[in-house]
């Protein structure tokens, strides 16, 4: 995914984000998420990292 990160970030910065209205668990961190999901940085990080559906 590394080759597309710069272009992805440019597109992600054009989107108007909102905080989730319902409780939401990030499939990257495996934890509850709120405001941090409503940023371009979160989504760039999301495509760089593997999903964490189960934390042991």
PDB file of N, CA and C in Angstrom:
ATOM      1  N   UNK A   1       0.809  -1.201   0.000  1.00  0.00           N
ATOM      2  CA  UNK A   1       0.000   0.000   0.000  1.00  0.00           C
ATOM      3  C   UNK A   1       0.853   1.267   0.000  1.00  0.00           C
ATOM      4  N   UNK A   2       2.101   1.134   0.346  1.00  0.00           N
ATOM      5  CA  UNK A   2       2.996   2.288   0.453  1.00  0.00           C
ATOM      6  C   UNK A   2       2.995   3.192  -0.785  1.00  0.00           C
ATOM      7  N   UNK A   3       2.985   2.646  -2.005  1.00  0.00           N
ATOM      8  CA  UNK A   3       3.039   3.511  -3.186  1.00  0.00           C
ATOM      9  C   UNK A   3       1.836   4.451  -3.347  1.00  0.00           C
ATOM     10  N   UNK A   4       0.710   4.138  -2.738  1.00  0.00           N
ATOM     11  CA  UNK A   4      -0.473   4.981  -2.935  1.00  0.00           C
ATOM     12  C   UNK A   4      -0.756   5.921  -1.767  1.00  0.00           C
ATOM     13  N   UNK A   5       0.059   5.873  -0.714  1.00  0.00           N
ATOM     14  CA  UNK A   5      -0.242   6.641   0.498  1.00  0.00           C
ATOM     15  C   UNK A   5      -0.332   8.143   0.266  1.00  0.00           C
ATOM     16  N   UNK A   6       0.578   8.713  -0.473  1.00  0.00           N
ATOM     17  CA  UNK A   6       0.554  10.163  -0.694  1.00  0.00           C
ATOM     18  C   UNK A   6      -0.718  10.582  -1.432  1.00  0.00           C
ATOM     19  N   UNK A   7      -1.057   9.848  -2.467  1.00  0.00           N
ATOM     20  CA  UNK A   7      -2.272  10.175  -3.218  1.00  0.00           C
ATOM     21  C   UNK A   7      -3.521   9.924  -2.370  1.00  0.00           C
ATOM     22  N   UNK A   8      -3.512   8.831  -1.617  1.00  0.00           N
ATOM     23  CA  UNK A   8      -4.650   8.537  -0.743  1.00  0.00           C
ATOM     24  C   UNK A   8      -4.835   9.649   0.280  1.00  0.00           C
ATOM     25  N   UNK A   9      -3.724  10.125   0.877  1.00  0.00           N
ATOM     26  CA  UNK A   9      -3.808  11.208   1.864  1.00  0.00           C
ATOM     27  C   UNK A   9      -4.411  12.466   1.226  1.00  0.00           C
ATOM     28  N   UNK A  10      -4.002  12.795   0.004  1.00  0.00           N
ATOM     29  CA  UNK A  10      -4.552  13.973  -0.676  1.00  0.00           C
ATOM     30  C   UNK A  10      -6.062  13.861  -0.834  1.00  0.00           C
ATOM     31  N   UNK A  11      -6.534  12.699  -1.250  1.00  0.00           N
ATOM     32  CA  UNK A  11      -7.980  12.492  -1.405  1.00  0.00           C
ATOM     33  C   UNK A  11      -8.663  12.516  -0.045  1.00  0.00           C
ATOM     34  N   UNK A  12      -8.073  11.839   0.940  1.00  0.00           N
ATOM     35  CA  UNK A  12      -8.666  11.781   2.277  1.00  0.00           C
ATOM     36  C   UNK A  12      -8.802  13.171   2.892  1.00  0.00           C
ATOM     37  N   UNK A  13      -7.921  14.074   2.551  1.00  0.00           N
ATOM     38  CA  UNK A  13      -7.981  15.434   3.084  1.00  0.00           C
ATOM     39  C   UNK A  13      -9.094  16.266   2.461  1.00  0.00           C
ATOM     40  N   UNK A  14      -9.709  15.781   1.398  1.00  0.00           N
ATOM     41  CA  UNK A  14     -10.812  16.515   0.767  1.00  0.00           C
ATOM     42  C   UNK A  14     -12.175  16.110   1.319  1.00  0.00           C
ATOM     43  N   UNK A  15     -12.201  15.075   2.146  1.00  0.00           N
ATOM     44  CA  UNK A  15     -13.461  14.540   2.669  1.00  0.00           C
ATOM     45  C   UNK A  15     -13.838  15.252   3.961  1.00  0.00           C
ATOM     46  N   UNK A  16     -15.112  15.532   4.124  1.00  0.00           N
ATOM     47  CA  UNK A  16     -15.617  16.116   5.364  1.00  0.00           C
ATOM     48  C   UNK A  16     -16.040  14.970   6.280  1.00  0.00           C
ATOM     49  N   UNK A  17     -15.353  14.802   7.377  1.00  0.00           N
ATOM     50  CA  UNK A  17     -15.602  13.696   8.314  1.00  0.00           C
ATOM     51  C   UNK A  17     -16.485  14.154   9.459  1.00  0.00           C
ATOM     52  N   UNK A  18     -17.159  13.190  10.079  1.00  0.00           N
ATOM     53  CA  UNK A  18     -17.962  13.432  11.279  1.00  0.00           C
ATOM     54  C   UNK A  18     -17.678  12.329  12.284  1.00  0.00           C
ATOM     55  N   UNK A  19     -17.814  12.657  13.548  1.00  0.00           N
ATOM     56  CA  UNK A  19     -17.684  11.637  14.588  1.00  0.00           C
ATOM     57  C   UNK A  19     -18.794  10.614  14.424  1.00  0.00           C
ATOM     58  N   UNK A  20     -18.543   9.363  14.771  1.00  0.00           N
ATOM     59  CA  UNK A  20     -19.605   8.358  14.690  1.00  0.00           C
ATOM     60  C   UNK A  20     -20.753   8.708  15.640  1.00  0.00           C
ATOM     61  N   UNK A  21     -21.959   8.432  15.211  1.00  0.00           N
ATOM     62  CA  UNK A  21     -23.124   8.695  16.047  1.00  0.00           C
ATOM     63  C   UNK A  21     -23.472   7.496  16.917  1.00  0.00           C
ATOM     64  N   UNK A  22     -22.939   6.346  16.584  1.00  0.00           N
ATOM     65  CA  UNK A  22     -23.138   5.121  17.355  1.00  0.00           C
ATOM     66  C   UNK A  22     -21.785   4.643  17.855  1.00  0.00           C
ATOM     67  N   UNK A  23     -21.755   3.887  18.951  1.00  0.00           N
ATOM     68  CA  UNK A  23     -20.485   3.332  19.419  1.00  0.00           C
ATOM     69  C   UNK A  23     -19.836   2.493  18.314  1.00  0.00           C
ATOM     70  N   UNK A  24     -18.528   2.652  18.165  1.00  0.00           N
ATOM     71  CA  UNK A  24     -17.822   2.013  17.069  1.00  0.00           C
ATOM     72  C   UNK A  24     -16.479   1.501  17.564  1.00  0.00           C
ATOM     73  N   UNK A  25     -16.141   0.286  17.178  1.00  0.00           N
ATOM     74  CA  UNK A  25     -14.843  -0.291  17.507  1.00  0.00           C
ATOM     75  C   UNK A  25     -13.992  -0.278  16.246  1.00  0.00           C
ATOM     76  N   UNK A  26     -12.801   0.269  16.362  1.00  0.00           N
ATOM     77  CA  UNK A  26     -11.867   0.323  15.240  1.00  0.00           C
ATOM     78  C   UNK A  26     -11.352  -1.078  14.945  1.00  0.00           C
ATOM     79  N   UNK A  27     -11.358  -1.457  13.677  1.00  0.00           N
ATOM     80  CA  UNK A  27     -10.809  -2.772  13.345  1.00  0.00           C
ATOM     81  C   UNK A  27      -9.293  -2.709  13.161  1.00  0.00           C
ATOM     82  N   UNK A  28      -8.680  -1.556  13.400  1.00  0.00           N
ATOM     83  CA  UNK A  28      -7.223  -1.443  13.422  1.00  0.00           C
ATOM     84  C   UNK A  28      -6.714  -1.599  14.852  1.00  0.00           C
ATOM     85  N   UNK A  29      -7.305  -0.846  15.777  1.00  0.00           N
ATOM     86  CA  UNK A  29      -6.835  -0.882  17.166  1.00  0.00           C
ATOM     87  C   UNK A  29      -7.565  -1.916  18.004  1.00  0.00           C
ATOM     88  N   UNK A  30      -8.783  -2.261  17.603  1.00  0.00           N
ATOM     89  CA  UNK A  30      -9.587  -3.184  18.409  1.00  0.00           C
ATOM     90  C   UNK A  30     -10.196  -2.508  19.622  1.00  0.00           C
ATOM     91  N   UNK A  31     -10.160  -1.176  19.654  1.00  0.00           N
ATOM     92  CA  UNK A  31     -10.693  -0.422  20.789  1.00  0.00           C
ATOM     93  C   UNK A  31     -11.808   0.514  20.321  1.00  0.00           C
ATOM     94  N   UNK A  32     -12.557   1.033  21.307  1.00  0.00           N
ATOM     95  CA  UNK A  32     -13.597   2.005  20.985  1.00  0.00           C
ATOM     96  C   UNK A  32     -12.959   3.220  20.347  1.00  0.00           C
ATOM     97  N   UNK A  33     -13.638   3.793  19.369  1.00  0.00           N
ATOM     98  CA  UNK A  33     -13.117   4.967  18.678  1.00  0.00           C
ATOM     99  C   UNK A  33     -14.193   6.043  18.609  1.00  0.00           C
ATOM    100  N   UNK A  34     -13.759   7.275  18.621  1.00  0.00           N
ATOM    101  CA  UNK A  34     -14.696   8.398  18.502  1.00  0.00           C
ATOM    102  C   UNK A  34     -14.140   9.424  17.517  1.00  0.00           C
ATOM    103  N   UNK A  35     -13.610  10.503  18.029  1.00  0.00           N
ATOM    104  CA  UNK A  35     -13.168  11.606  17.170  1.00  0.00           C
ATOM    105  C   UNK A  35     -12.006  11.227  16.260  1.00  0.00           C
ATOM    106  N   UNK A  36     -11.122  10.328  16.721  1.00  0.00           N
ATOM    107  CA  UNK A  36      -9.935  10.011  15.918  1.00  0.00           C
ATOM    108  C   UNK A  36     -10.274   9.371  14.585  1.00  0.00           C
ATOM    109  N   UNK A  37     -11.443   8.738  14.485  1.00  0.00           N
ATOM    110  CA  UNK A  37     -11.823   8.101  13.222  1.00  0.00           C
ATOM    111  C   UNK A  37     -12.236   9.140  12.171  1.00  0.00           C
ATOM    112  N   UNK A  38     -12.480  10.339  12.609  1.00  0.00           N
ATOM    113  CA  UNK A  38     -12.958  11.390  11.715  1.00  0.00           C
ATOM    114  C   UNK A  38     -11.815  12.277  11.231  1.00  0.00           C
ATOM    115  N   UNK A  39     -10.675  11.650  10.897  1.00  0.00           N
ATOM    116  CA  UNK A  39      -9.516  12.405  10.419  1.00  0.00           C
ATOM    117  C   UNK A  39      -8.875  11.678   9.232  1.00  0.00           C
ATOM    118  N   UNK A  40      -8.260  12.417   8.350  1.00  0.00           N
ATOM    119  CA  UNK A  40      -7.525  11.764   7.259  1.00  0.00           C
ATOM    120  C   UNK A  40      -6.400  10.864   7.776  1.00  0.00           C
ATOM    121  N   UNK A  41      -5.725  11.287   8.851  1.00  0.00           N
ATOM    122  CA  UNK A  41      -4.626  10.484   9.397  1.00  0.00           C
ATOM    123  C   UNK A  41      -5.095   9.101   9.828  1.00  0.00           C
ATOM    124  N   UNK A  42      -6.266   9.011  10.409  1.00  0.00           N
ATOM    125  CA  UNK A  42      -6.798   7.704  10.827  1.00  0.00           C
ATOM    126  C   UNK A  42      -6.911   6.783   9.612  1.00  0.00           C
ATOM    127  N   UNK A  43      -7.436   7.289   8.519  1.00  0.00           N
ATOM    128  CA  UNK A  43      -7.673   6.447   7.341  1.00  0.00           C
ATOM    129  C   UNK A  43      -6.390   6.099   6.606  1.00  0.00           C
ATOM    130  N   UNK A  44      -5.405   6.990   6.617  1.00  0.00           N
ATOM    131  CA  UNK A  44      -4.099   6.649   6.051  1.00  0.00           C
ATOM    132  C   UNK A  44      -3.482   5.531   6.895  1.00  0.00           C
ATOM    133  N   UNK A  45      -3.552   5.669   8.210  1.00  0.00           N
ATOM    134  CA  UNK A  45      -3.056   4.627   9.110  1.00  0.00           C
ATOM    135  C   UNK A  45      -3.823   3.318   8.900  1.00  0.00           C
ATOM    136  N   UNK A  46      -5.103   3.424   8.655  1.00  0.00           N
ATOM    137  CA  UNK A  46      -5.955   2.250   8.467  1.00  0.00           C
ATOM    138  C   UNK A  46      -5.484   1.396   7.287  1.00  0.00           C
ATOM    139  N   UNK A  47      -5.107   2.020   6.197  1.00  0.00           N
ATOM    140  CA  UNK A  47      -4.669   1.213   5.047  1.00  0.00           C
ATOM    141  C   UNK A  47      -3.227   0.734   5.183  1.00  0.00           C
ATOM    142  N   UNK A  48      -2.473   1.317   6.125  1.00  0.00           N
ATOM    143  CA  UNK A  48      -1.098   0.890   6.350  1.00  0.00           C
ATOM    144  C   UNK A  48      -0.997  -0.309   7.294  1.00  0.00           C
ATOM    145  N   UNK A  49      -1.967  -0.488   8.162  1.00  0.00           N
ATOM    146  CA  UNK A  49      -1.878  -1.488   9.219  1.00  0.00           C
ATOM    147  C   UNK A  49      -2.901  -2.598   9.033  1.00  0.00           C
ATOM    148  N   UNK A  50      -2.564  -3.739   9.572  1.00  0.00           N
ATOM    149  CA  UNK A  50      -3.475  -4.881   9.486  1.00  0.00           C
ATOM    150  C   UNK A  50      -4.654  -4.687  10.435  1.00  0.00           C
ATOM    151  N   UNK A  51      -5.741  -5.334  10.119  1.00  0.00           N
ATOM    152  CA  UNK A  51      -6.912  -5.319  10.992  1.00  0.00           C
ATOM    153  C   UNK A  51      -6.629  -6.141  12.231  1.00  0.00           C
ATOM    154  N   UNK A  52      -7.167  -5.684  13.334  1.00  0.00           N
ATOM    155  CA  UNK A  52      -7.011  -6.388  14.604  1.00  0.00           C
ATOM    156  C   UNK A  52      -8.410  -6.716  15.121  1.00  0.00           C
ATOM    157  N   UNK A  53      -8.956  -7.810  14.654  1.00  0.00           N
ATOM    158  CA  UNK A  53     -10.320  -8.163  15.024  1.00  0.00           C
ATOM    159  C   UNK A  53     -10.397  -8.845  16.374  1.00  0.00           C
ATOM    160  N   UNK A  54      -9.277  -9.342  16.857  1.00  0.00           N
ATOM    161  CA  UNK A  54      -9.255 -10.035  18.141  1.00  0.00           C
ATOM    162  C   UNK A  54      -7.956  -9.717  18.861  1.00  0.00           C
ATOM    163  N   UNK A  55      -8.072  -9.128  20.024  1.00  0.00           N
ATOM    164  CA  UNK A  55      -6.887  -8.846  20.859  1.00  0.00           C
ATOM    165  C   UNK A  55      -6.820  -9.919  21.948  1.00  0.00           C
ATOM    166  N   UNK A  56      -5.676 -10.557  22.049  1.00  0.00           N
ATOM    167  CA  UNK A  56      -5.503 -11.597  23.083  1.00  0.00           C
ATOM    168  C   UNK A  56      -4.664 -11.047  24.196  1.00  0.00           C
TER     169      UNK A  56
END
